[in-house]
Protein backbone atom coordinates (compact mmCIF):
# COMPACT_ATOMS: atom_id res chain seq x y z
CA UNK A 1 0.00 0.00 0.00
CA UNK A 2 1.48 3.31 -1.10
CA UNK A 3 0.76 6.25 1.20
CA UNK A 4 -0.35 9.52 -0.40
CA UNK A 5 0.71 12.43 1.77
CA UNK A 6 -1.24 15.11 -0.10
CA UNK A 7 -4.07 14.80 -2.60
CA UNK A 8 -5.02 18.00 -4.38
CA UNK A 9 -8.05 18.15 -6.65
CA UNK A 10 -8.03 21.07 -9.04
CA UNK A 11 -9.60 22.17 -12.31
CA UNK A 12 -7.10 20.24 -14.41
CA UNK A 13 -7.31 17.59 -17.12
CA UNK A 14 -4.51 15.24 -16.10
CA UNK A 15 -3.13 13.65 -12.97
CA UNK A 16 0.43 14.29 -11.82
CA UNK A 17 2.54 12.67 -9.10
CA UNK A 18 5.46 14.35 -7.37
CA UNK A 19 7.77 13.20 -4.61
CA UNK A 20 9.23 15.94 -2.46
CA UNK A 21 12.83 15.96 -1.18
CA UNK A 22 11.34 14.71 2.11
CA UNK A 23 9.91 11.63 0.39
CA UNK A 24 6.30 12.84 0.51
CA UNK A 25 4.01 11.86 -2.36
CA UNK A 26 1.89 14.73 -3.70
CA UNK A 27 -0.88 13.85 -6.13
CA UNK A 28 -2.71 16.46 -8.20
CA UNK A 29 -5.86 15.15 -9.85
CA UNK A 30 -8.88 16.50 -11.78
CA UNK A 31 -11.88 17.41 -9.68
CA UNK A 32 -14.13 14.64 -11.05
CA UNK A 33 -11.57 11.85 -11.38
CA UNK A 34 -12.80 8.79 -9.44
CA UNK A 35 -10.65 7.69 -6.54
CA UNK A 36 -10.36 4.27 -8.15
CA UNK A 37 -8.72 5.84 -11.21
CA UNK A 38 -6.30 7.77 -9.00
CA UNK A 39 -5.37 4.59 -7.17
CA UNK A 40 -4.75 2.81 -10.49
CA UNK A 41 -2.26 5.50 -11.53
CA UNK A 42 -0.52 5.33 -8.15
CA UNK A 43 -0.29 1.53 -8.37
CA UNK A 44 1.12 1.72 -11.89
CA UNK A 45 3.75 4.19 -10.73
CA UNK A 46 4.41 2.15 -7.58
CA UNK A 47 7.88 0.91 -8.58
CA UNK A 48 9.02 4.46 -9.35
CA UNK A 49 7.52 5.80 -6.10
CA UNK A 50 9.12 3.11 -3.95
CA UNK A 51 12.49 3.40 -5.70
CA UNK A 52 12.52 7.18 -5.29
CA UNK A 53 11.57 7.00 -1.63
CA UNK A 54 14.25 4.37 -1.02
CA UNK A 55 16.81 6.57 -2.74
CA UNK A 56 15.85 9.47 -0.47
CA UNK A 57 16.07 7.29 2.64
CA UNK A 58 19.52 6.03 1.57
CA UNK A 59 20.66 9.59 0.93
CA UNK A 60 19.55 10.56 4.43
CA UNK A 61 21.51 7.70 5.94
CA UNK A 62 24.64 8.54 3.96
CA UNK A 63 24.40 12.19 5.01
CA UNK A 64 23.13 11.72 8.56
CA UNK A 65 25.96 13.85 9.97
CA UNK A 66 24.55 16.84 8.08
CA UNK A 67 21.04 16.20 9.37
CA UNK A 68 22.28 15.90 12.96
CA UNK A 69 24.60 18.94 12.73
CA UNK A 70 27.76 16.96 13.33
CA UNK A 71 28.99 18.35 10.01
CA UNK A 72 28.02 21.34 7.92
CA UNK A 73 28.58 22.30 4.31
CA UNK A 74 29.84 25.69 3.23
CA UNK A 75 30.49 26.42 -0.46
CA UNK A 76 30.66 22.70 -1.11
CA UNK A 77 33.23 21.88 1.56
CA UNK A 78 32.47 19.76 4.62
CA UNK A 79 33.37 21.12 8.05
CA UNK A 80 33.22 19.19 11.31
CA UNK A 81 31.15 20.96 13.98
CA UNK A 82 33.17 21.41 17.17
CA UNK A 83 31.65 22.69 20.40
CA UNK A 84 33.95 25.05 22.27
CA UNK A 85 33.90 27.35 25.29
CA UNK A 86 36.53 29.68 23.87
CA UNK A 87 34.33 31.69 21.47
CA UNK A 88 31.09 33.65 21.62
CA UNK A 89 30.01 33.43 17.97
CA UNK A 90 29.95 30.68 15.37
CA UNK A 91 33.29 30.73 13.58
CA UNK A 92 34.53 28.91 10.49
CA UNK A 93 38.16 27.78 10.37
CA UNK A 94 39.95 26.00 7.54
CA UNK A 95 38.72 22.62 8.73
CA UNK A 96 35.98 23.09 11.32
CA UNK A 97 32.90 25.05 12.29
CA UNK A 98 33.35 26.19 15.88
CA UNK A 99 30.10 26.54 17.79
CA UNK A 100 29.91 28.20 21.23
CA UNK A 101 28.85 25.81 23.95
CA UNK A 102 25.81 28.01 24.70
CA UNK A 103 24.44 27.11 21.23
CA UNK A 104 24.92 23.35 21.71
CA UNK A 105 21.29 22.49 22.44
CA UNK A 106 18.10 21.54 20.62
CA UNK A 107 18.16 24.92 18.84
CA UNK A 108 21.64 24.55 17.37
CA UNK A 109 20.18 24.15 13.88
CA UNK A 110 18.47 27.52 14.27
CA UNK A 111 21.70 29.20 15.39
CA UNK A 112 23.55 27.70 12.42
CA UNK A 113 20.80 28.89 10.08
CA UNK A 114 21.11 32.44 11.42
CA UNK A 115 24.85 32.25 10.79
CA UNK A 116 24.25 31.14 7.20
CA UNK A 117 21.84 34.01 6.61
CA UNK A 118 24.58 36.45 7.55
CA UNK A 119 27.00 34.76 5.14
CA UNK A 120 24.47 35.03 2.31
CA UNK A 121 24.95 38.78 2.21
CA UNK A 122 28.72 38.32 2.08
CA UNK A 123 28.92 35.52 -0.48
CA UNK A 124 25.79 35.08 -2.61
CA UNK A 125 24.70 38.69 -3.06
CA UNK A 126 28.08 39.95 -4.38
CA UNK A 127 28.18 36.96 -6.73
CA UNK A 128 24.71 37.78 -8.07
CA UNK A 129 25.76 41.38 -8.69
CA UNK A 130 28.95 40.26 -10.45
CA UNK A 131 27.16 37.78 -12.71
CA UNK A 132 24.35 40.18 -13.60
CA UNK A 133 26.94 42.74 -14.65
CA UNK A 134 28.83 40.11 -16.64
CA UNK A 135 25.61 39.12 -18.44
CA UNK A 136 24.62 42.78 -18.83
CA UNK A 137 21.23 42.10 -17.29
CA UNK A 138 19.35 44.71 -15.29
CA UNK A 139 18.00 43.11 -12.13
CA UNK A 140 15.19 44.84 -10.28
CA UNK A 141 15.98 43.12 -7.02
CA UNK A 142 17.73 40.15 -5.45
CA UNK A 143 16.04 38.45 -2.52
CA UNK A 144 16.59 35.27 -0.54
CA UNK A 145 14.10 32.54 0.20
CA UNK A 146 13.55 29.56 2.47
CA UNK A 147 11.73 27.58 -0.23
CA UNK A 148 11.32 23.83 0.23
CA UNK A 149 11.32 22.80 -3.41
CA UNK A 150 13.45 25.18 -5.43
CA UNK A 151 16.88 26.75 -5.50
CA UNK A 152 15.74 29.98 -7.09
CA UNK A 153 12.96 31.82 -8.89
CA UNK A 154 12.38 34.83 -11.12
CA UNK A 155 9.33 36.98 -11.81
CA UNK A 156 8.23 39.07 -14.78
CA UNK A 157 9.32 42.29 -13.06
CA UNK A 158 12.99 41.31 -13.09
CA UNK A 159 13.25 40.19 -9.47
CA UNK A 160 15.11 37.01 -8.59
CA UNK A 161 14.99 35.02 -5.38
CA UNK A 162 17.75 32.66 -4.35
CA UNK A 163 17.46 29.96 -1.72
CA UNK A 164 19.93 30.76 1.05
CA UNK A 165 20.95 27.08 1.01
CA UNK A 166 22.96 27.85 -2.11
CA UNK A 167 25.71 28.38 0.44
CA UNK A 168 25.83 24.60 0.89
CA UNK A 169 26.72 24.05 -2.77
CA UNK A 170 30.15 24.26 -4.42
CA UNK A 171 30.94 27.56 -6.18
CA UNK A 172 30.26 26.36 -9.73
CA UNK A 173 26.75 25.21 -8.76
CA UNK A 174 26.08 28.48 -6.91
CA UNK A 175 27.00 30.31 -10.10
CA UNK A 176 24.84 27.98 -12.20
CA UNK A 177 21.70 28.65 -10.15
CA UNK A 178 22.31 32.41 -10.25
CA UNK A 179 22.93 32.38 -14.01
CA UNK A 180 19.83 30.21 -14.48
CA UNK A 181 17.61 32.74 -12.70
CA UNK A 182 19.24 35.73 -14.37
CA UNK A 183 18.62 34.12 -17.77
CA UNK A 184 14.93 33.94 -16.87
CA UNK A 185 14.83 37.73 -16.79
CA UNK A 186 15.41 37.57 -20.55
CA UNK A 187 13.44 34.36 -21.18
CA UNK A 188 10.67 33.48 -18.72
CA UNK A 189 10.64 29.86 -19.85
CA UNK A 190 12.96 26.99 -20.67
CA UNK A 191 13.00 27.57 -24.40
CA UNK A 192 15.93 26.96 -26.72
CA UNK A 193 16.85 30.63 -26.43
CA UNK A 194 16.93 30.33 -22.65
CA UNK A 195 19.41 27.46 -22.74
CA UNK A 196 21.53 29.30 -25.29
CA UNK A 197 21.92 32.13 -22.77
CA UNK A 198 22.94 29.70 -20.04
CA UNK A 199 25.28 27.85 -22.40
CA UNK A 200 27.02 31.07 -23.40
CA UNK A 201 28.35 31.41 -19.85
CA UNK A 202 28.39 27.78 -18.83
CA UNK A 203 29.12 25.33 -21.65
CA UNK A 204 29.09 22.44 -19.13
CA UNK A 205 25.70 23.36 -17.67
CA UNK A 206 24.22 19.89 -18.40
CA UNK A 207 26.58 18.26 -15.92
CA UNK A 208 25.69 20.99 -13.42
CA UNK A 209 22.00 20.13 -13.81
CA UNK A 210 22.80 16.52 -12.88
CA UNK A 211 24.82 17.66 -9.87
CA UNK A 212 21.97 19.88 -8.70
CA UNK A 213 19.56 16.95 -8.85
CA UNK A 214 21.89 14.89 -6.68
CA UNK A 215 22.05 17.75 -4.15
CA UNK A 216 18.26 18.13 -3.92
CA UNK A 217 18.17 16.68 -0.39
CA UNK A 218 20.07 19.73 0.88
CA UNK A 219 16.87 21.73 0.62
CA UNK A 220 15.63 19.78 3.64
CA UNK A 221 18.37 20.97 5.97
CA UNK A 222 17.76 23.54 8.72
CA UNK A 223 13.98 23.29 8.65
């Protein structure tokens, strides 16, 4: 029996199934589609659903140190979290993330998140400005999000939003996501012209797309 976490009925013609980075199954179905028909689709897709959920569970196990804050990622590099009495603020060294003993409690994830949000202004924002200038694209605004299912977004007014968890990714993937959203200011779709813009700056973008898919679980951290 496959568990459906969310069933949404909308004014649509087709049924879609999506598994979130947390392993939750979201089903979107037409308003008048019988439940028996929905269950048939879910059963047919059962092997894919189970395989995807198992892959997520395995990924969690392999990266359990990140989920338990024994390690953190910063710009793609892993740092061991060390609790110390000698400092008052979270500090990053060449090999470790030093955390004051007063933060070593059930809220440590929140304290680490606040530290990341400070680093966003120092790392991601300057990079977005640099790349927008390089691409000669006028950006209305750059904001940061806590989205669960996306690394970035762009609207028709020329505003882009970047997930602050970009800081967990290596530099080339940070740049890829920024370039991707900047390109949407010129092409609000994924047309051939859009990918030409991305390719002009990043000829290897296809391998980056694969890497981003592998890193999808990082969007779950610090919730």
